[in-house]
C-alpha atoms as a PDB file:
ATOM      1  CA  MET A   1      86.055 136.910  99.110  1.00  0.00           C
ATOM      2  CA  ILE A   2      89.021 134.728 100.639  1.00  0.00           C
ATOM      3  CA  ASN A   3      91.843 136.465 102.028  1.00  0.00           C
ATOM      4  CA  ARG A   4      95.297 134.027 101.242  1.00  0.00           C
ATOM      5  CA  LYS A   5      97.927 133.817 103.421  1.00  0.00           C
ATOM      6  CA  PRO A   6     101.249 133.272 102.593  1.00  0.00           C
ATOM      7  CA  ILE A   7     102.937 130.035 103.024  1.00  0.00           C
ATOM      8  CA  TYR A   8     106.223 131.229 105.485  1.00  0.00           C
ATOM      9  CA  VAL A   9     108.084 128.246 106.663  1.00  0.00           C
ATOM     10  CA  GLU A  10     111.893 128.491 108.443  1.00  0.00           C
ATOM     11  CA  ILE A  11     114.075 126.311 110.020  1.00  0.00           C
ATOM     12  CA  LEU A  12     117.547 126.577 111.760  1.00  0.00           C
ATOM     13  CA  MET A  13     120.433 124.014 109.351  1.00  0.00           C
ATOM     14  CA  LYS A  14     123.694 123.797 111.294  1.00  0.00           C
ATOM     15  CA  VAL A  15     125.226 123.632 108.109  1.00  0.00           C
ATOM     16  CA  SER A  16     127.331 126.245 106.200  1.00  0.00           C
ATOM     17  CA  ILE A  17     126.035 128.528 103.743  1.00  0.00           C
ATOM     18  CA  GLU A  18     127.482 126.941 100.811  1.00  0.00           C
ATOM     19  CA  THR A  19     126.426 123.662 101.341  1.00  0.00           C
ATOM     20  CA  LEU A  20     123.085 124.478 101.968  1.00  0.00           C
ATOM     21  CA  TRP A  21     122.905 126.499  98.974  1.00  0.00           C
ATOM     22  CA  LYS A  22     124.193 123.553  96.930  1.00  0.00           C
ATOM     23  CA  TYR A  23     121.443 120.975  98.159  1.00  0.00           C
ATOM     24  CA  THR A  24     118.613 123.589  97.277  1.00  0.00           C
ATOM     25  CA  GLN A  25     119.859 124.925  93.945  1.00  0.00           C
ATOM     26  CA  THR A  26     120.795 122.042  92.272  1.00  0.00           C
ATOM     27  CA  PRO A  27     118.537 120.280  90.618  1.00  0.00           C
ATOM     28  CA  ASN A  28     119.341 116.636  91.037  1.00  0.00           C
ATOM     29  CA  LEU A  29     119.771 117.460  95.046  1.00  0.00           C
ATOM     30  CA  HIS A  30     116.686 119.349  95.329  1.00  0.00           C
ATOM     31  CA  GLN A  31     114.062 117.021  93.984  1.00  0.00           C
ATOM     32  CA  GLN A  32     115.578 114.606  96.470  1.00  0.00           C
ATOM     33  CA  TRP A  33     114.330 116.133  99.655  1.00  0.00           C
ATOM     34  CA  ASP A  34     111.323 118.463  98.068  1.00  0.00           C
ATOM     35  CA  LEU A  35     108.104 116.201  98.612  1.00  0.00           C
ATOM     36  CA  ARG A  36     106.069 119.427  96.363  1.00  0.00           C
ATOM     37  CA  PHE A  37     109.074 118.246  93.308  1.00  0.00           C
ATOM     38  CA  SER A  38     109.182 114.710  91.314  1.00  0.00           C
ATOM     39  CA  GLU A  39     111.591 116.461  89.096  1.00  0.00           C
ATOM     40  CA  ILE A  40     113.529 119.202  88.516  1.00  0.00           C
ATOM     41  CA  THR A  41     115.662 120.045  85.151  1.00  0.00           C
ATOM     42  CA  TYR A  42     117.137 122.949  84.787  1.00  0.00           C
ATOM     43  CA  ILE A  43     117.399 124.548  80.876  1.00  0.00           C
ATOM     44  CA  PRO A  44     120.405 125.858  79.423  1.00  0.00           C
ATOM     45  CA  LYS A  45     120.864 129.846  79.316  1.00  0.00           C
ATOM     46  CA  SER A  46     122.402 131.511  76.502  1.00  0.00           C
ATOM     47  CA  HIS A  47     124.013 134.189  78.816  1.00  0.00           C
ATOM     48  CA  GLU A  48     125.379 133.665  82.895  1.00  0.00           C
ATOM     49  CA  GLU A  49     123.605 136.929  83.442  1.00  0.00           C
ATOM     50  CA  GLN A  50     120.324 135.261  82.167  1.00  0.00           C
ATOM     51  CA  PRO A  51     117.704 134.551  85.318  1.00  0.00           C
ATOM     52  CA  GLN A  52     117.678 130.321  85.384  1.00  0.00           C
ATOM     53  CA  ARG A  53     114.419 128.797  83.491  1.00  0.00           C
ATOM     54  CA  PHE A  54     113.492 125.332  85.042  1.00  0.00           C
ATOM     55  CA  VAL A  55     111.299 122.597  84.418  1.00  0.00           C
ATOM     56  CA  TYR A  56     108.944 120.643  87.000  1.00  0.00           C
ATOM     57  CA  LYS A  57     107.205 117.527  87.294  1.00  0.00           C
ATOM     58  CA  THR A  58     105.135 116.285  90.453  1.00  0.00           C
ATOM     59  CA  ASN A  59     103.502 113.059  90.321  1.00  0.00           C
ATOM     60  CA  ILE A  60     100.186 112.695  92.279  1.00  0.00           C
ATOM     61  CA  GLY A  61     100.020 108.777  91.379  1.00  0.00           C
ATOM     62  CA  PHE A  62      97.655 106.796  89.512  1.00  0.00           C
ATOM     63  CA  GLY A  63      99.869 107.683  86.496  1.00  0.00           C
ATOM     64  CA  LEU A  64      98.885 111.584  86.906  1.00  0.00           C
ATOM     65  CA  ASN A  65     101.677 114.171  86.806  1.00  0.00           C
ATOM     66  CA  ILE A  66     101.882 118.378  87.335  1.00  0.00           C
ATOM     67  CA  ALA A  67     104.276 120.283  84.774  1.00  0.00           C
ATOM     68  CA  GLY A  68     105.420 123.689  85.309  1.00  0.00           C
ATOM     69  CA  GLU A  69     107.843 126.315  84.689  1.00  0.00           C
ATOM     70  CA  GLY A  70     110.018 128.654  86.518  1.00  0.00           C
ATOM     71  CA  GLU A  71     112.454 131.070  86.844  1.00  0.00           C
ATOM     72  CA  SER A  72     115.000 131.702  90.132  1.00  0.00           C
ATOM     73  CA  VAL A  73     117.283 134.585  90.662  1.00  0.00           C
ATOM     74  CA  GLY A  74     119.826 134.351  92.784  1.00  0.00           C
ATOM     75  CA  ASN A  75     121.814 136.954  94.546  1.00  0.00           C
ATOM     76  CA  LYS A  76     124.152 138.351  97.591  1.00  0.00           C
ATOM     77  CA  GLU A  77     122.691 140.840  99.958  1.00  0.00           C
ATOM     78  CA  ARG A  78     124.789 142.801 102.935  1.00  0.00           C
ATOM     79  CA  ASP A  79     126.225 141.021 105.841  1.00  0.00           C
ATOM     80  CA  GLY A  80     126.369 137.642 103.667  1.00  0.00           C
ATOM     81  CA  ILE A  81     122.980 137.026 103.812  1.00  0.00           C
ATOM     82  CA  MET A  82     121.043 135.286 100.267  1.00  0.00           C
ATOM     83  CA  THR A  83     118.581 135.099  98.281  1.00  0.00           C
ATOM     84  CA  SER A  84     116.947 133.125  95.905  1.00  0.00           C
ATOM     85  CA  SER A  85     113.854 134.385  94.295  1.00  0.00           C
ATOM     86  CA  LEU A  86     111.322 132.632  91.686  1.00  0.00           C
ATOM     87  CA  LYS A  87     108.090 132.958  89.964  1.00  0.00           C
ATOM     88  CA  PHE A  88     106.464 129.911  88.966  1.00  0.00           C
ATOM     89  CA  SER A  89     103.488 128.640  86.578  1.00  0.00           C
ATOM     90  CA  SER A  90     101.278 125.730  85.618  1.00  0.00           C
ATOM     91  CA  PRO A  91      99.420 125.443  81.976  1.00  0.00           C
ATOM     92  CA  ASN A  92      98.497 122.005  83.090  1.00  0.00           C
ATOM     93  CA  PRO A  93      94.455 121.991  83.827  1.00  0.00           C
ATOM     94  CA  ILE A  94      95.000 119.888  86.626  1.00  0.00           C
ATOM     95  CA  SER A  95      96.885 121.668  88.772  1.00  0.00           C
ATOM     96  CA  LEU A  96      95.132 123.962  91.214  1.00  0.00           C
ATOM     97  CA  ILE A  97      98.429 126.768  91.001  1.00  0.00           C
ATOM     98  CA  LEU A  98      97.977 128.457  87.669  1.00  0.00           C
ATOM     99  CA  GLU A  99     100.831 131.054  89.054  1.00  0.00           C
ATOM    100  CA  GLY A 100     102.918 132.129  91.943  1.00  0.00           C
ATOM    101  CA  ALA A 101     106.147 133.877  93.101  1.00  0.00           C
ATOM    102  CA  GLY A 102     108.668 133.590  96.389  1.00  0.00           C
ATOM    103  CA  PHE A 103     111.559 133.404  97.632  1.00  0.00           C
ATOM    104  CA  TRP A 104     114.226 131.192  99.581  1.00  0.00           C
ATOM    105  CA  ARG A 105     116.406 133.091 102.059  1.00  0.00           C
ATOM    106  CA  TYR A 106     119.574 132.504 104.026  1.00  0.00           C
ATOM    107  CA  VAL A 107     120.763 133.893 106.753  1.00  0.00           C
ATOM    108  CA  PRO A 108     123.686 133.301 108.614  1.00  0.00           C
ATOM    109  CA  THR A 109     124.023 132.918 112.174  1.00  0.00           C
ATOM    110  CA  VAL A 110     126.318 131.597 114.973  1.00  0.00           C
ATOM    111  CA  GLU A 111     124.869 128.526 115.227  1.00  0.00           C
ATOM    112  CA  GLY A 112     124.291 127.956 111.417  1.00  0.00           C
ATOM    113  CA  VAL A 113     121.984 129.376 108.824  1.00  0.00           C
ATOM    114  CA  ARG A 114     118.586 130.567 109.114  1.00  0.00           C
ATOM    115  CA  PHE A 115     116.298 129.037 105.949  1.00  0.00           C
ATOM    116  CA  LEU A 116     113.375 130.141 105.242  1.00  0.00           C
ATOM    117  CA  THR A 117     110.728 130.872 102.639  1.00  0.00           C
ATOM    118  CA  ARG A 118     107.712 132.743 101.955  1.00  0.00           C
ATOM    119  CA  TYR A 119     105.368 132.008  98.548  1.00  0.00           C
ATOM    120  CA  ASP A 120     102.509 132.986  97.597  1.00  0.00           C
ATOM    121  CA  TYR A 121     100.098 131.857  94.577  1.00  0.00           C
ATOM    122  CA  ARG A 122      97.028 132.433  92.164  1.00  0.00           C
ATOM    123  CA  THR A 123      94.385 129.221  91.688  1.00  0.00           C
ATOM    124  CA  ARG A 124      92.301 128.287  89.191  1.00  0.00           C
ATOM    125  CA  TYR A 125      88.614 127.385  88.809  1.00  0.00           C
ATOM    126  CA  GLY A 126      87.450 130.933  90.230  1.00  0.00           C
ATOM    127  CA  PRO A 127      85.673 131.174  93.936  1.00  0.00           C
ATOM    128  CA  PHE A 128      85.595 127.344  93.945  1.00  0.00           C
ATOM    129  CA  GLY A 129      89.482 126.838  93.512  1.00  0.00           C
ATOM    130  CA  THR A 130      90.013 129.258  95.851  1.00  0.00           C
ATOM    131  CA  TRP A 131      88.083 127.439  98.527  1.00  0.00           C
ATOM    132  CA  ILE A 132      89.864 124.229  97.907  1.00  0.00           C
ATOM    133  CA  ASP A 133      93.314 126.052  98.358  1.00  0.00           C
ATOM    134  CA  ARG A 134      91.755 128.209 101.312  1.00  0.00           C
ATOM    135  CA  PHE A 135      90.738 124.855 103.655  1.00  0.00           C
ATOM    136  CA  ILE A 136      92.595 121.982 101.817  1.00  0.00           C
ATOM    137  CA  PHE A 137      95.751 122.775  99.554  1.00  0.00           C
ATOM    138  CA  ARG A 138      97.081 125.466 101.157  1.00  0.00           C
ATOM    139  CA  PRO A 139      97.460 123.639 104.528  1.00  0.00           C
ATOM    140  CA  ILE A 140      98.868 120.748 102.723  1.00  0.00           C
ATOM    141  CA  MET A 141     101.688 122.665 100.522  1.00  0.00           C
ATOM    142  CA  GLY A 142     102.785 124.229 104.072  1.00  0.00           C
ATOM    143  CA  TRP A 143     103.291 121.036 105.959  1.00  0.00           C
ATOM    144  CA  ALA A 144     104.659 119.657 102.926  1.00  0.00           C
ATOM    145  CA  THR A 145     107.396 122.438 102.512  1.00  0.00           C
ATOM    146  CA  ALA A 146     107.813 122.440 106.689  1.00  0.00           C
ATOM    147  CA  TRP A 147     107.842 118.494 106.145  1.00  0.00           C
ATOM    148  CA  SER A 148     110.976 119.099 103.550  1.00  0.00           C
ATOM    149  CA  PHE A 149     112.374 121.441 105.278  1.00  0.00           C
ATOM    150  CA  ASP A 150     113.365 119.308 108.298  1.00  0.00           C
ATOM    151  CA  CYS A 151     114.188 116.196 105.928  1.00  0.00           C
ATOM    152  CA  LEU A 152     116.871 118.174 104.526  1.00  0.00           C
ATOM    153  CA  ARG A 153     117.903 119.544 108.039  1.00  0.00           C
ATOM    154  CA  LEU A 154     118.492 115.299 109.040  1.00  0.00           C
ATOM    155  CA  TRP A 155     119.999 115.007 105.600  1.00  0.00           C
ATOM    156  CA  LEU A 156     122.704 117.418 105.997  1.00  0.00           C
ATOM    157  CA  GLU A 157     123.104 117.496 110.029  1.00  0.00           C
ATOM    158  CA  HIS A 158     122.659 113.494 110.329  1.00  0.00           C
ATOM    159  CA  GLY A 159     123.771 112.281 106.843  1.00  0.00           C
ATOM    160  CA  ILE A 160     120.529 109.884 106.309  1.00  0.00           C
ATOM    161  CA  SER A 161     119.350 110.506 102.798  1.00  0.00           C
ATOM    162  CA  PRO A 162     115.829 111.551 101.904  1.00  0.00           C
ATOM    163  CA  TYR A 163     115.034 108.098 100.429  1.00  0.00           C
ATOM    164  CA  VAL A 164     115.538 106.145 103.948  1.00  0.00           C
ATOM    165  CA  LEU A 165     113.597 109.062 105.670  1.00  0.00           C
ATOM    166  CA  ILE A 166     110.798 108.964 104.030  1.00  0.00           C
ATOM    167  CA  ARG A 167     110.897 104.972 104.084  1.00  0.00           C
ATOM    168  CA  ARG A 168     111.013 105.161 107.740  1.00  0.00           C
ATOM    169  CA  SER A 169     108.196 108.001 107.934  1.00  0.00           C
ATOM    170  CA  ILE A 170     105.537 105.703 105.844  1.00  0.00           C
ATOM    171  CA  ILE A 171     106.768 102.792 108.032  1.00  0.00           C
ATOM    172  CA  GLU A 172     106.359 105.015 111.149  1.00  0.00           C
ATOM    173  CA  ALA A 173     102.608 106.180 109.810  1.00  0.00           C
ATOM    174  CA  VAL A 174     101.667 102.696 109.100  1.00  0.00           C
ATOM    175  CA  LEU A 175     102.459 101.871 113.172  1.00  0.00           C
ATOM    176  CA  LYS A 176     100.859 104.623 114.011  1.00  0.00           C
ATOM    177  CA  ILE A 177      97.570 104.436 112.398  1.00  0.00           C
ATOM    178  CA  SER A 178      97.240 100.826 112.787  1.00  0.00           C
ATOM    179  CA  LEU A 179      97.876 100.824 116.402  1.00  0.00           C
ATOM    180  CA  PHE A 180      95.125 103.597 116.794  1.00  0.00           C
ATOM    181  CA  PHE A 181      92.678 101.594 114.750  1.00  0.00           C
ATOM    182  CA  ILE A 182      92.991  98.633 116.976  1.00  0.00           C
ATOM    183  CA  TRP A 183      92.904 100.382 120.232  1.00  0.00           C
ATOM    184  CA  MET A 184      89.553 102.290 118.941  1.00  0.00           C
ATOM    185  CA  TYR A 185      87.974  99.169 117.300  1.00  0.00           C
ATOM    186  CA  GLN A 186      88.434  97.641 120.727  1.00  0.00           C
ATOM    187  CA  GLY A 187      87.355 100.140 122.825  1.00  0.00           C
ATOM    188  CA  LEU A 188      84.390 101.702 120.337  1.00  0.00           C
ATOM    189  CA  VAL A 189      83.147  97.870 119.178  1.00  0.00           C
ATOM    190  CA  PRO A 190      82.817  95.308 121.853  1.00  0.00           C
ATOM    191  CA  LYS A 191      82.993  98.166 125.080  1.00  0.00           C
ATOM    192  CA  LEU A 192      80.283 100.772 123.528  1.00  0.00           C
ATOM    193  CA  LEU A 193      78.544  99.531 120.920  1.00  0.00           C
ATOM    194  CA  VAL A 194      78.015  95.470 121.051  1.00  0.00           C
ATOM    195  CA  ALA A 195      78.476  95.041 125.137  1.00  0.00           C
ATOM    196  CA  ASP A 196      76.748  91.880 125.567  1.00  0.00           C
ATOM    197  CA  SER A 197      79.852  90.998 122.773  1.00  0.00           C
ATOM    198  CA  GLY A 198      81.280  88.744 125.928  1.00  0.00           C
ATOM    199  CA  GLU A 199      83.395  91.478 127.375  1.00  0.00           C
ATOM    200  CA  LEU A 200      80.875  92.700 129.872  1.00  0.00           C
ATOM    201  CA  ASP A 201      80.134  88.875 130.822  1.00  0.00           C
ATOM    202  CA  ILE A 202      84.361  89.027 131.435  1.00  0.00           C
ATOM    203  CA  ILE A 203      84.095  91.832 133.860  1.00  0.00           C
ATOM    204  CA  GLN A 204      80.722  91.028 136.001  1.00  0.00           C
ATOM    205  CA  SER A 205      82.471  87.050 136.444  1.00  0.00           C
ATOM    206  CA  THR A 206      85.282  89.020 138.311  1.00  0.00           C
ATOM    207  CA  PRO A 207      84.348  89.216 142.096  1.00  0.00           C
ATOM    208  CA  GLY A 208      83.479  92.741 143.054  1.00  0.00           C
ATOM    209  CA  LEU A 209      82.857  94.082 139.777  1.00  0.00           C
ATOM    210  CA  ALA A 210      79.586  92.530 139.550  1.00  0.00           C
ATOM    211  CA  ASP A 211      77.355  95.739 139.762  1.00  0.00           C
ATOM    212  CA  TYR A 212      79.561  98.190 137.841  1.00  0.00           C
ATOM    213  CA  GLY A 213      79.488  95.920 134.826  1.00  0.00           C
ATOM    214  CA  ARG A 214      78.490  98.655 132.355  1.00  0.00           C
ATOM    215  CA  PRO A 215      80.027 101.618 133.450  1.00  0.00           C
ATOM    216  CA  LEU A 216      83.813 100.073 134.077  1.00  0.00           C
ATOM    217  CA  LEU A 217      83.232  98.905 130.288  1.00  0.00           C
ATOM    218  CA  THR A 218      82.360 102.372 129.341  1.00  0.00           C
ATOM    219  CA  LEU A 219      85.281 104.039 130.857  1.00  0.00           C
ATOM    220  CA  MET A 220      87.331 100.773 129.375  1.00  0.00           C
ATOM    221  CA  GLY A 221      86.118 101.853 125.814  1.00  0.00           C
ATOM    222  CA  LEU A 222      86.802 105.251 126.622  1.00  0.00           C
ATOM    223  CA  GLY A 223      90.144 104.662 127.815  1.00  0.00           C
ATOM    224  CA  GLU A 224      91.250 102.493 125.248  1.00  0.00           C
ATOM    225  CA  ILE A 225      89.961 105.034 122.494  1.00  0.00           C
ATOM    226  CA  GLY A 226      91.594 107.922 124.350  1.00  0.00           C
ATOM    227  CA  PHE A 227      94.831 105.697 124.208  1.00  0.00           C
ATOM    228  CA  GLY A 228      94.417 105.420 120.399  1.00  0.00           C
ATOM    229  CA  LEU A 229      94.555 108.923 119.590  1.00  0.00           C
ATOM    230  CA  LEU A 230      97.782 109.408 121.223  1.00  0.00           C
ATOM    231  CA  PHE A 231      99.279 107.677 118.523  1.00  0.00           C
ATOM    232  CA  LEU A 232      98.487 110.065 115.987  1.00  0.00           C
ATOM    233  CA  VAL A 233      99.354 113.419 117.979  1.00  0.00           C
ATOM    234  CA  LEU A 234     102.441 112.400 119.324  1.00  0.00           C
ATOM    235  CA  SER A 235     105.743 112.212 117.955  1.00  0.00           C
ATOM    236  CA  GLY A 236     109.657 112.638 118.840  1.00  0.00           C
ATOM    237  CA  LYS A 237     110.377 111.627 122.641  1.00  0.00           C
ATOM    238  CA  LYS A 238     106.939 111.132 123.736  1.00  0.00           C
ATOM    239  CA  ARG A 239     105.931 108.993 120.535  1.00  0.00           C
ATOM    240  CA  ARG A 240     108.967 106.515 121.618  1.00  0.00           C
ATOM    241  CA  SER A 241     107.847 106.757 125.103  1.00  0.00           C
ATOM    242  CA  LEU A 242     104.247 105.816 124.132  1.00  0.00           C
ATOM    243  CA  HIS A 243     105.091 102.944 122.543  1.00  0.00           C
ATOM    244  CA  LYS A 244     106.743 101.541 125.615  1.00  0.00           C
ATOM    245  CA  ILE A 245     103.666 102.160 127.585  1.00  0.00           C
ATOM    246  CA  ASN A 246     101.981 100.281 125.183  1.00  0.00           C
ATOM    247  CA  ILE A 247     103.853  97.270 124.991  1.00  0.00           C
ATOM    248  CA  LEU A 248     103.657  97.697 129.361  1.00  0.00           C
ATOM    249  CA  VAL A 249      99.693  97.831 128.858  1.00  0.00           C
ATOM    250  CA  LEU A 250      99.392  95.407 126.591  1.00  0.00           C
ATOM    251  CA  ILE A 251     101.819  92.645 128.420  1.00  0.00           C
ATOM    252  CA  LEU A 252      99.631  93.413 131.768  1.00  0.00           C
ATOM    253  CA  LEU A 253      96.132  93.234 129.952  1.00  0.00           C
ATOM    254  CA  GLY A 254      97.221  89.883 128.815  1.00  0.00           C
ATOM    255  CA  LEU A 255      98.035  88.400 131.901  1.00  0.00           C
ATOM    256  CA  SER A 256      94.693  89.820 133.540  1.00  0.00           C
ATOM    257  CA  ALA A 257      93.154  87.766 131.241  1.00  0.00           C
ATOM    258  CA  ALA A 258      94.617  84.476 133.372  1.00  0.00           C
ATOM    259  CA  SER A 259      91.706  84.363 135.681  1.00  0.00           C
ATOM    260  CA  HIS A 260      89.577  83.750 132.286  1.00  0.00           C
ATOM    261  CA  PRO A 261      91.378  80.961 130.603  1.00  0.00           C
ATOM    262  CA  ALA A 262      88.930  80.436 127.943  1.00  0.00           C
ATOM    263  CA  THR A 263      89.582  83.831 126.608  1.00  0.00           C
ATOM    264  CA  TYR A 264      93.660  82.199 125.667  1.00  0.00           C
ATOM    265  CA  VAL A 265      91.921  79.961 122.959  1.00  0.00           C
ATOM    266  CA  ALA A 266      89.091  82.371 121.727  1.00  0.00           C
ATOM    267  CA  PRO A 267      90.197  83.653 117.999  1.00  0.00           C
ATOM    268  CA  PHE A 268      92.314  86.830 118.052  1.00  0.00           C
ATOM    269  CA  ASN A 269      92.792  86.076 121.833  1.00  0.00           C
ATOM    270  CA  PRO A 270      94.779  88.242 124.598  1.00  0.00           C
ATOM    271  CA  ILE A 271      98.002  86.385 123.214  1.00  0.00           C
ATOM    272  CA  THR A 272      97.699  86.538 119.498  1.00  0.00           C
ATOM    273  CA  LEU A 273      96.189  90.449 119.279  1.00  0.00           C
ATOM    274  CA  ASN A 274      98.474  91.557 121.659  1.00  0.00           C
ATOM    275  CA  VAL A 275     102.017  90.120 120.595  1.00  0.00           C
ATOM    276  CA  ALA A 276     101.102  91.299 117.310  1.00  0.00           C
ATOM    277  CA  MET A 277     100.493  94.842 118.790  1.00  0.00           C
ATOM    278  CA  ILE A 278     103.434  94.661 120.424  1.00  0.00           C
ATOM    279  CA  VAL A 279     105.811  94.099 117.761  1.00  0.00           C
ATOM    280  CA  LEU A 280     104.493  96.622 115.834  1.00  0.00           C
ATOM    281  CA  SER A 281     105.473  99.107 118.949  1.00  0.00           C
ATOM    282  CA  ILE A 282     109.088  96.995 118.730  1.00  0.00           C
ATOM    283  CA  ILE A 283     109.293  97.503 115.296  1.00  0.00           C
ATOM    284  CA  SER A 284     109.070 101.376 115.691  1.00  0.00           C
ATOM    285  CA  LEU A 285     111.094 101.347 118.635  1.00  0.00           C
ATOM    286  CA  LEU A 286     114.108 100.021 116.969  1.00  0.00           C
ATOM    287  CA  GLY A 287     113.837 102.573 113.793  1.00  0.00           C
ATOM    288  CA  GLU A 288     116.412 104.839 116.170  1.00  0.00           C
ATOM    289  CA  THR A 289     116.849 107.615 113.167  1.00  0.00           C
ATOM    290  CA  GLU A 290     114.763 110.654 114.164  1.00  0.00           C
ATOM    291  CA  LEU A 291     112.023 111.306 111.520  1.00  0.00           C
ATOM    292  CA  PRO A 292     111.309 114.341 109.919  1.00  0.00           C
ATOM    293  CA  SER A 293     108.577 116.547 111.290  1.00  0.00           C
ATOM    294  CA  ALA A 294     106.729 119.743 110.181  1.00  0.00           C
ATOM    295  CA  ARG A 295     106.396 120.632 113.496  1.00  0.00           C
ATOM    296  CA  ARG A 296     110.331 121.936 114.010  1.00  0.00           C
ATOM    297  CA  CYS A 297     109.576 125.035 111.148  1.00  0.00           C
ATOM    298  CA  LEU A 298     108.550 128.131 112.426  1.00  0.00           C
ATOM    299  CA  ARG A 299     105.290 128.609 110.353  1.00  0.00           C
ATOM    300  CA  SER A 300     105.343 132.342 111.026  1.00  0.00           C
ATOM    301  CA  SER A 301     107.350 135.153 110.616  1.00  0.00           C
ATOM    302  CA  GLY A 302     106.735 136.405 113.448  1.00  0.00           C
ATOM    303  CA  GLU A 303     106.944 140.500 113.911  1.00  0.00           C
ATOM    304  CA  GLY A 304     107.992 141.112 110.377  1.00  0.00           C
ATOM    305  CA  ARG A 305     111.738 140.572 110.199  1.00  0.00           C
ATOM    306  CA  ASP A 306     111.481 139.109 106.848  1.00  0.00           C
ATOM    307  CA  GLN A 307     109.477 141.167 104.824  1.00  0.00           C
ATOM    308  CA  ALA A 308     110.370 140.785 100.927  1.00  0.00           C
END
């Protein structure tokens, strides 16, 4: 039996508790920033004292969606702390989640509001479902929760709508995956796997390097693969610095090919390839907006200060 660890996410929001409550408790606002839900609809209550029941839907692509239902209760606690507890379930057989429960907590501080959640759920499909949840689904849910919290923070603190943030995040993901692939391919294929593709001849024809062709080509290949991997792991200011370094390196590599003029007229030569890669970095640098990141959230309750 694999032990489940509840999902915990916490972030500081520099807004009023009333504003944060509104953007997290109003369905048409909530569904805009939370990656876990595509639609949230409240079911009208017959009495104000009743828990707020709701139905939700999550689009998973290819025309498929997962629907479920739940109920929440908002209440005030001591010292102005507010908590919204909820239960949720899904009868949909394609939903890994069978039923679960958790809470959102709003803790006023001098700097703003500590917004945190902890939730857990039971899964379908017996041991197989438990395994899938432990190693795949639960990490994705934790990341999606944290990313969504930071998306909400940027919306409230900087006024950038989740729609814009999501589009820019997709664009940035495409850019960095593209640059990673190009650098990885250039380091792996023509330098490590197929050394006789022409790269080795260029090095060996360079004065003073004839005896070090193959070792130097291997080092260059490993260096390019490592440099490409940085596009997948760096974010924030480091991401911007990496793009600036990328532009400088590509300019230098393009100029270094001047000693072999024939390379400038070959297919996908240093001019066309390097310019295209430089443009990808320029596009990223032009996106001045700070992008949401799950790394800005705390993913552990620390010393148990917020035990439910």
